[in-house]
Amino acid sequence: MDGLSNLGGNTPADDLTRWLKNAPATGTVQKATFENLESTESAESGVRDVGMIMDLPVKVMVELGRTKMSIGELLALHKGSVIELNVHAGDPLDLVVNGCLIAQGEVVIVNDRYGIRLTDIISPSERLRKTSR
């Protein structure tokens, strides 16, 4: 938009308005048309869209508990050392996905492997509250 600074208006918006009023006609004016913004997709197409992300990998972690220790205490650890955590026996375990608390559960053993049985799914509002732990 050449010449805007030479129009002498009070504000850039005034200059632009004046320039547009005085601009030479370069063609026919067409009415703008916009698509309807209301959702017209069926529920089936919404499920199909979610299907696109179903194979994306996420980092899933079960957190037993937390503790703080000094570097000296960390370096003094050896085979057989016990680290005391901030949870009690029987407390629920946290299921964390990509760093966000998603659910809580209890330890189970399936075919000689540890697992977690989910006992509580965390709502989005609770997730925000529990991240301050």
N, C-alpha and C. Protein backbone atom coordinates (compact mmCIF):
# COMPACT_ATOMS: atom_id res chain seq x y z
N MET A 1 0.85 -1.17 0.00
CA MET A 1 0.00 0.00 0.00
C MET A 1 0.89 1.23 0.00
N ASP A 2 1.34 1.61 -1.14
CA ASP A 2 2.22 2.77 -1.27
C ASP A 2 1.48 4.04 -0.95
N GLY A 3 2.15 4.97 -0.31
CA GLY A 3 1.59 6.28 -0.08
C GLY A 3 0.79 6.42 1.20
N LEU A 4 0.74 5.40 2.03
CA LEU A 4 -0.03 5.50 3.27
C LEU A 4 0.55 6.54 4.21
N SER A 5 1.85 6.63 4.25
CA SER A 5 2.47 7.57 5.18
C SER A 5 2.28 9.01 4.75
N ASN A 6 1.90 9.26 3.50
CA ASN A 6 1.75 10.63 2.99
C ASN A 6 0.31 11.13 3.09
N LEU A 7 -0.60 10.32 3.66
CA LEU A 7 -2.00 10.72 3.68
C LEU A 7 -2.31 11.71 4.80
N GLY A 8 -1.48 11.78 5.82
CA GLY A 8 -1.63 12.80 6.86
C GLY A 8 -2.76 12.56 7.82
N GLY A 9 -3.18 11.31 8.07
CA GLY A 9 -4.26 11.03 9.02
C GLY A 9 -3.75 11.02 10.44
N ASN A 10 -4.68 10.89 11.35
CA ASN A 10 -4.34 10.87 12.77
C ASN A 10 -3.75 9.53 13.21
N THR A 11 -4.31 8.46 12.70
CA THR A 11 -3.84 7.13 13.08
C THR A 11 -3.63 6.30 11.82
N PRO A 12 -2.90 5.20 11.94
CA PRO A 12 -2.75 4.32 10.77
C PRO A 12 -4.10 3.82 10.25
N ALA A 13 -5.07 3.58 11.15
CA ALA A 13 -6.39 3.12 10.72
C ALA A 13 -7.09 4.19 9.90
N ASP A 14 -6.95 5.48 10.31
CA ASP A 14 -7.55 6.59 9.54
C ASP A 14 -6.91 6.67 8.17
N ASP A 15 -5.58 6.51 8.13
CA ASP A 15 -4.86 6.55 6.86
C ASP A 15 -5.33 5.45 5.93
N LEU A 16 -5.51 4.26 6.48
CA LEU A 16 -5.94 3.11 5.66
C LEU A 16 -7.35 3.33 5.13
N THR A 17 -8.25 3.82 5.98
CA THR A 17 -9.63 4.09 5.56
C THR A 17 -9.66 5.11 4.44
N ARG A 18 -8.91 6.19 4.58
CA ARG A 18 -8.86 7.24 3.56
C ARG A 18 -8.27 6.69 2.27
N TRP A 19 -7.23 5.88 2.38
CA TRP A 19 -6.58 5.32 1.19
C TRP A 19 -7.54 4.40 0.44
N LEU A 20 -8.28 3.56 1.21
CA LEU A 20 -9.22 2.64 0.58
C LEU A 20 -10.36 3.38 -0.14
N LYS A 21 -10.83 4.49 0.45
CA LYS A 21 -11.89 5.27 -0.19
C LYS A 21 -11.41 5.91 -1.49
N ASN A 22 -10.13 6.32 -1.54
CA ASN A 22 -9.60 7.01 -2.70
C ASN A 22 -8.87 6.09 -3.67
N ALA A 23 -8.78 4.80 -3.35
CA ALA A 23 -8.03 3.86 -4.20
C ALA A 23 -8.75 3.70 -5.53
N PRO A 24 -7.97 3.62 -6.60
CA PRO A 24 -8.59 3.43 -7.91
C PRO A 24 -9.24 2.05 -8.01
N ALA A 25 -10.35 1.98 -8.73
CA ALA A 25 -11.04 0.71 -8.93
C ALA A 25 -10.19 -0.18 -9.82
N THR A 26 -9.97 -1.40 -9.40
CA THR A 26 -9.14 -2.32 -10.19
C THR A 26 -9.96 -3.45 -10.78
N GLY A 27 -11.24 -3.49 -10.58
CA GLY A 27 -12.07 -4.56 -11.10
C GLY A 27 -13.43 -4.53 -10.44
N THR A 28 -14.19 -5.55 -10.68
CA THR A 28 -15.52 -5.60 -10.10
C THR A 28 -15.44 -6.07 -8.65
N VAL A 29 -16.34 -5.58 -7.86
CA VAL A 29 -16.40 -5.96 -6.45
C VAL A 29 -17.29 -7.18 -6.34
N GLN A 30 -16.81 -8.19 -5.59
CA GLN A 30 -17.59 -9.40 -5.40
C GLN A 30 -17.94 -9.54 -3.93
N LYS A 31 -19.12 -10.04 -3.68
CA LYS A 31 -19.55 -10.27 -2.32
C LYS A 31 -18.80 -11.47 -1.75
N ALA A 32 -18.30 -11.34 -0.52
CA ALA A 32 -17.58 -12.44 0.12
C ALA A 32 -18.57 -13.50 0.56
N THR A 33 -18.19 -14.76 0.39
CA THR A 33 -19.03 -15.87 0.85
C THR A 33 -18.22 -16.69 1.84
N PHE A 34 -18.90 -17.19 2.86
CA PHE A 34 -18.24 -17.97 3.89
C PHE A 34 -19.00 -19.27 4.09
N GLU A 35 -18.24 -20.31 4.44
CA GLU A 35 -18.86 -21.60 4.72
C GLU A 35 -19.57 -21.55 6.07
N ASN A 36 -20.60 -22.37 6.22
CA ASN A 36 -21.32 -22.47 7.48
C ASN A 36 -20.39 -23.08 8.52
N LEU A 37 -20.23 -22.45 9.68
CA LEU A 37 -19.32 -22.93 10.71
C LEU A 37 -19.95 -23.97 11.62
N GLU A 38 -21.23 -24.21 11.51
CA GLU A 38 -21.86 -25.22 12.34
C GLU A 38 -21.39 -26.59 11.92
N SER A 39 -21.31 -27.49 12.88
CA SER A 39 -20.85 -28.84 12.60
C SER A 39 -21.90 -29.58 11.79
N THR A 40 -21.51 -30.03 10.61
CA THR A 40 -22.42 -30.79 9.76
C THR A 40 -21.93 -32.21 9.58
N GLU A 41 -20.78 -32.53 10.21
CA GLU A 41 -20.23 -33.87 10.08
C GLU A 41 -21.01 -34.84 10.95
N SER A 42 -21.10 -36.07 10.51
CA SER A 42 -21.78 -37.08 11.31
C SER A 42 -20.84 -37.58 12.40
N ALA A 43 -21.39 -38.26 13.38
CA ALA A 43 -20.58 -38.82 14.46
C ALA A 43 -19.58 -39.82 13.91
N GLU A 44 -19.94 -40.51 12.84
CA GLU A 44 -19.05 -41.51 12.25
C GLU A 44 -17.76 -40.87 11.72
N SER A 45 -17.85 -39.70 11.10
CA SER A 45 -16.65 -39.06 10.58
C SER A 45 -15.78 -38.56 11.73
N GLY A 46 -16.39 -38.17 12.88
CA GLY A 46 -15.61 -37.76 14.05
C GLY A 46 -14.79 -38.91 14.58
N VAL A 47 -15.37 -40.11 14.61
CA VAL A 47 -14.63 -41.29 15.06
C VAL A 47 -13.49 -41.58 14.10
N ARG A 48 -13.71 -41.39 12.81
CA ARG A 48 -12.67 -41.63 11.82
C ARG A 48 -11.50 -40.68 12.05
N ASP A 49 -11.79 -39.41 12.39
CA ASP A 49 -10.73 -38.44 12.64
C ASP A 49 -9.89 -38.84 13.84
N VAL A 50 -10.51 -39.33 14.91
CA VAL A 50 -9.79 -39.78 16.10
C VAL A 50 -8.93 -40.99 15.75
N GLY A 51 -9.40 -41.81 14.83
CA GLY A 51 -8.64 -42.99 14.42
C GLY A 51 -7.28 -42.64 13.85
N MET A 52 -7.13 -41.43 13.34
CA MET A 52 -5.85 -41.03 12.75
C MET A 52 -4.75 -40.95 13.81
N ILE A 53 -5.09 -40.71 15.05
CA ILE A 53 -4.07 -40.56 16.09
C ILE A 53 -3.89 -41.81 16.94
N MET A 54 -4.67 -42.86 16.67
CA MET A 54 -4.64 -44.04 17.53
C MET A 54 -3.29 -44.74 17.56
N ASP A 55 -2.46 -44.61 16.55
CA ASP A 55 -1.17 -45.28 16.51
C ASP A 55 -0.01 -44.41 17.00
N LEU A 56 -0.29 -43.18 17.45
CA LEU A 56 0.78 -42.32 17.95
C LEU A 56 1.30 -42.86 19.28
N PRO A 57 2.61 -42.99 19.42
CA PRO A 57 3.15 -43.50 20.68
C PRO A 57 3.13 -42.44 21.78
N VAL A 58 2.88 -42.87 23.02
CA VAL A 58 2.94 -42.01 24.19
C VAL A 58 3.78 -42.72 25.25
N LYS A 59 4.39 -41.95 26.13
CA LYS A 59 5.21 -42.51 27.20
C LYS A 59 4.32 -42.75 28.42
N VAL A 60 4.15 -44.01 28.81
CA VAL A 60 3.32 -44.38 29.95
C VAL A 60 4.24 -44.81 31.09
N MET A 61 3.99 -44.28 32.29
CA MET A 61 4.84 -44.57 33.43
C MET A 61 3.95 -44.78 34.65
N VAL A 62 4.29 -45.77 35.47
CA VAL A 62 3.61 -45.97 36.74
C VAL A 62 4.55 -45.47 37.82
N GLU A 63 4.07 -44.53 38.60
CA GLU A 63 4.90 -43.91 39.62
C GLU A 63 4.54 -44.49 40.98
N LEU A 64 5.54 -45.11 41.63
CA LEU A 64 5.34 -45.69 42.96
C LEU A 64 5.34 -44.63 44.04
N GLY A 65 6.15 -43.61 43.87
CA GLY A 65 6.26 -42.55 44.87
C GLY A 65 7.42 -41.65 44.53
N ARG A 66 7.66 -40.66 45.38
CA ARG A 66 8.74 -39.70 45.15
C ARG A 66 9.49 -39.47 46.46
N THR A 67 10.71 -38.97 46.31
CA THR A 67 11.49 -38.56 47.46
C THR A 67 12.53 -37.55 47.00
N LYS A 68 13.07 -36.81 47.94
CA LYS A 68 14.17 -35.88 47.64
C LYS A 68 15.38 -36.35 48.41
N MET A 69 16.54 -36.28 47.77
CA MET A 69 17.78 -36.63 48.45
C MET A 69 18.91 -35.78 47.89
N SER A 70 19.95 -35.66 48.69
CA SER A 70 21.10 -34.88 48.26
C SER A 70 21.95 -35.70 47.30
N ILE A 71 22.83 -35.06 46.59
CA ILE A 71 23.73 -35.76 45.68
C ILE A 71 24.61 -36.73 46.47
N GLY A 72 25.01 -36.33 47.67
CA GLY A 72 25.83 -37.20 48.51
C GLY A 72 25.10 -38.49 48.87
N GLU A 73 23.80 -38.36 49.23
CA GLU A 73 23.00 -39.55 49.54
C GLU A 73 22.81 -40.42 48.30
N LEU A 74 22.62 -39.80 47.16
CA LEU A 74 22.45 -40.54 45.92
C LEU A 74 23.71 -41.33 45.58
N LEU A 75 24.87 -40.69 45.73
CA LEU A 75 26.14 -41.36 45.42
C LEU A 75 26.47 -42.47 46.41
N ALA A 76 25.90 -42.39 47.61
CA ALA A 76 26.17 -43.41 48.62
C ALA A 76 25.32 -44.67 48.45
N LEU A 77 24.38 -44.66 47.52
CA LEU A 77 23.53 -45.84 47.31
C LEU A 77 24.36 -47.00 46.78
N HIS A 78 23.99 -48.20 47.21
CA HIS A 78 24.66 -49.41 46.73
C HIS A 78 23.63 -50.51 46.60
N LYS A 79 24.02 -51.64 46.08
CA LYS A 79 23.10 -52.75 45.91
C LYS A 79 22.51 -53.12 47.27
N GLY A 80 21.19 -53.19 47.34
CA GLY A 80 20.52 -53.51 48.59
C GLY A 80 20.05 -52.28 49.36
N SER A 81 20.42 -51.07 48.90
CA SER A 81 19.96 -49.85 49.58
C SER A 81 18.45 -49.73 49.47
N VAL A 82 17.86 -49.12 50.48
CA VAL A 82 16.41 -48.89 50.49
C VAL A 82 16.19 -47.39 50.43
N ILE A 83 15.31 -46.96 49.52
CA ILE A 83 14.95 -45.55 49.40
C ILE A 83 13.53 -45.40 49.89
N GLU A 84 13.33 -44.58 50.90
CA GLU A 84 12.00 -44.36 51.45
C GLU A 84 11.25 -43.37 50.55
N LEU A 85 10.03 -43.75 50.16
CA LEU A 85 9.21 -42.91 49.29
C LEU A 85 8.14 -42.20 50.11
N ASN A 86 7.46 -41.25 49.48
CA ASN A 86 6.46 -40.43 50.18
C ASN A 86 5.08 -41.08 50.21
N VAL A 87 4.99 -42.39 50.01
CA VAL A 87 3.70 -43.09 50.03
C VAL A 87 3.74 -44.21 51.05
N HIS A 88 2.57 -44.64 51.47
CA HIS A 88 2.46 -45.75 52.40
C HIS A 88 2.07 -47.01 51.66
N ALA A 89 2.35 -48.16 52.26
CA ALA A 89 1.94 -49.43 51.66
C ALA A 89 0.43 -49.42 51.48
N GLY A 90 -0.04 -49.82 50.32
CA GLY A 90 -1.47 -49.84 50.03
C GLY A 90 -2.00 -48.58 49.39
N ASP A 91 -1.21 -47.50 49.38
CA ASP A 91 -1.63 -46.28 48.69
C ASP A 91 -1.73 -46.56 47.19
N PRO A 92 -2.63 -45.86 46.48
CA PRO A 92 -2.74 -46.08 45.03
C PRO A 92 -1.49 -45.61 44.29
N LEU A 93 -1.20 -46.28 43.18
CA LEU A 93 -0.10 -45.90 42.32
C LEU A 93 -0.62 -44.90 41.29
N ASP A 94 0.26 -44.03 40.81
CA ASP A 94 -0.12 -43.05 39.80
C ASP A 94 0.24 -43.57 38.42
N LEU A 95 -0.69 -43.45 37.46
CA LEU A 95 -0.44 -43.75 36.06
C LEU A 95 -0.25 -42.41 35.36
N VAL A 96 0.95 -42.20 34.82
CA VAL A 96 1.32 -40.93 34.22
C VAL A 96 1.55 -41.16 32.72
N VAL A 97 0.91 -40.35 31.89
CA VAL A 97 1.07 -40.43 30.44
C VAL A 97 1.62 -39.10 29.95
N ASN A 98 2.80 -39.16 29.32
CA ASN A 98 3.48 -37.95 28.83
C ASN A 98 3.56 -36.87 29.91
N GLY A 99 3.84 -37.29 31.14
CA GLY A 99 4.03 -36.35 32.24
C GLY A 99 2.75 -35.88 32.91
N CYS A 100 1.60 -36.39 32.50
CA CYS A 100 0.32 -35.94 33.05
C CYS A 100 -0.36 -37.09 33.78
N LEU A 101 -0.77 -36.87 35.03
CA LEU A 101 -1.46 -37.89 35.82
C LEU A 101 -2.81 -38.19 35.17
N ILE A 102 -3.03 -39.45 34.80
CA ILE A 102 -4.25 -39.86 34.10
C ILE A 102 -5.15 -40.72 34.98
N ALA A 103 -4.54 -41.61 35.77
CA ALA A 103 -5.34 -42.54 36.57
C ALA A 103 -4.54 -43.00 37.78
N GLN A 104 -5.22 -43.69 38.68
CA GLN A 104 -4.57 -44.32 39.83
C GLN A 104 -5.02 -45.77 39.88
N GLY A 105 -4.18 -46.61 40.47
CA GLY A 105 -4.52 -48.02 40.52
C GLY A 105 -3.72 -48.75 41.56
N GLU A 106 -3.79 -50.08 41.49
CA GLU A 106 -3.09 -50.93 42.45
C GLU A 106 -2.27 -51.96 41.70
N VAL A 107 -1.22 -52.44 42.35
CA VAL A 107 -0.32 -53.41 41.74
C VAL A 107 -1.01 -54.76 41.61
N VAL A 108 -0.83 -55.40 40.45
CA VAL A 108 -1.29 -56.77 40.25
C VAL A 108 -0.15 -57.54 39.60
N ILE A 109 -0.18 -58.86 39.74
CA ILE A 109 0.81 -59.72 39.10
C ILE A 109 0.07 -60.60 38.10
N VAL A 110 0.51 -60.53 36.84
CA VAL A 110 -0.10 -61.31 35.77
C VAL A 110 1.01 -62.06 35.05
N ASN A 111 0.97 -63.40 35.09
CA ASN A 111 1.99 -64.23 34.43
C ASN A 111 3.41 -63.82 34.85
N ASP A 112 3.65 -63.71 36.14
CA ASP A 112 4.95 -63.36 36.69
C ASP A 112 5.44 -61.96 36.27
N ARG A 113 4.54 -61.09 35.88
CA ARG A 113 4.89 -59.70 35.54
C ARG A 113 4.01 -58.77 36.35
N TYR A 114 4.58 -57.61 36.70
CA TYR A 114 3.80 -56.62 37.43
C TYR A 114 2.92 -55.84 36.46
N GLY A 115 1.76 -55.44 36.93
CA GLY A 115 0.85 -54.60 36.17
C GLY A 115 0.13 -53.68 37.12
N ILE A 116 -0.79 -52.89 36.58
CA ILE A 116 -1.57 -51.98 37.41
C ILE A 116 -3.04 -52.15 37.04
N ARG A 117 -3.87 -52.35 38.06
CA ARG A 117 -5.33 -52.40 37.87
C ARG A 117 -5.83 -50.99 38.17
N LEU A 118 -6.46 -50.36 37.18
CA LEU A 118 -6.93 -48.99 37.36
C LEU A 118 -8.13 -48.97 38.30
N THR A 119 -8.06 -48.12 39.30
CA THR A 119 -9.14 -47.99 40.26
C THR A 119 -9.83 -46.63 40.17
N ASP A 120 -9.18 -45.65 39.54
CA ASP A 120 -9.74 -44.30 39.46
C ASP A 120 -9.18 -43.59 38.24
N ILE A 121 -10.04 -43.11 37.36
CA ILE A 121 -9.62 -42.29 36.22
C ILE A 121 -9.74 -40.83 36.65
N ILE A 122 -8.69 -40.06 36.44
CA ILE A 122 -8.66 -38.67 36.90
C ILE A 122 -9.38 -37.78 35.89
N SER A 123 -10.32 -36.95 36.36
CA SER A 123 -11.02 -36.01 35.49
C SER A 123 -10.07 -34.87 35.13
N PRO A 124 -10.31 -34.17 34.02
CA PRO A 124 -9.43 -33.06 33.64
C PRO A 124 -9.26 -32.02 34.73
N SER A 125 -10.32 -31.68 35.48
CA SER A 125 -10.19 -30.67 36.54
C SER A 125 -9.34 -31.21 37.69
N GLU A 126 -9.49 -32.50 38.01
CA GLU A 126 -8.66 -33.09 39.07
C GLU A 126 -7.20 -33.17 38.64
N ARG A 127 -6.95 -33.39 37.36
CA ARG A 127 -5.56 -33.47 36.86
C ARG A 127 -4.80 -32.21 37.19
N LEU A 128 -5.44 -31.06 36.99
CA LEU A 128 -4.79 -29.79 37.29
C LEU A 128 -4.48 -29.66 38.77
N ARG A 129 -5.43 -30.08 39.61
CA ARG A 129 -5.25 -29.96 41.06
C ARG A 129 -4.14 -30.88 41.56
N LYS A 130 -4.06 -32.10 41.02
CA LYS A 130 -3.11 -33.09 41.51
C LYS A 130 -1.69 -32.89 40.99
N THR A 131 -1.49 -32.06 39.97
CA THR A 131 -0.15 -31.86 39.45
C THR A 131 0.71 -31.05 40.40
N SER A 132 0.11 -30.43 41.41
CA SER A 132 0.89 -29.62 42.35
C SER A 132 1.52 -30.46 43.46
N ARG A 133 1.35 -31.79 43.44
CA ARG A 133 1.92 -32.66 44.47
C ARG A 133 3.41 -32.60 44.51
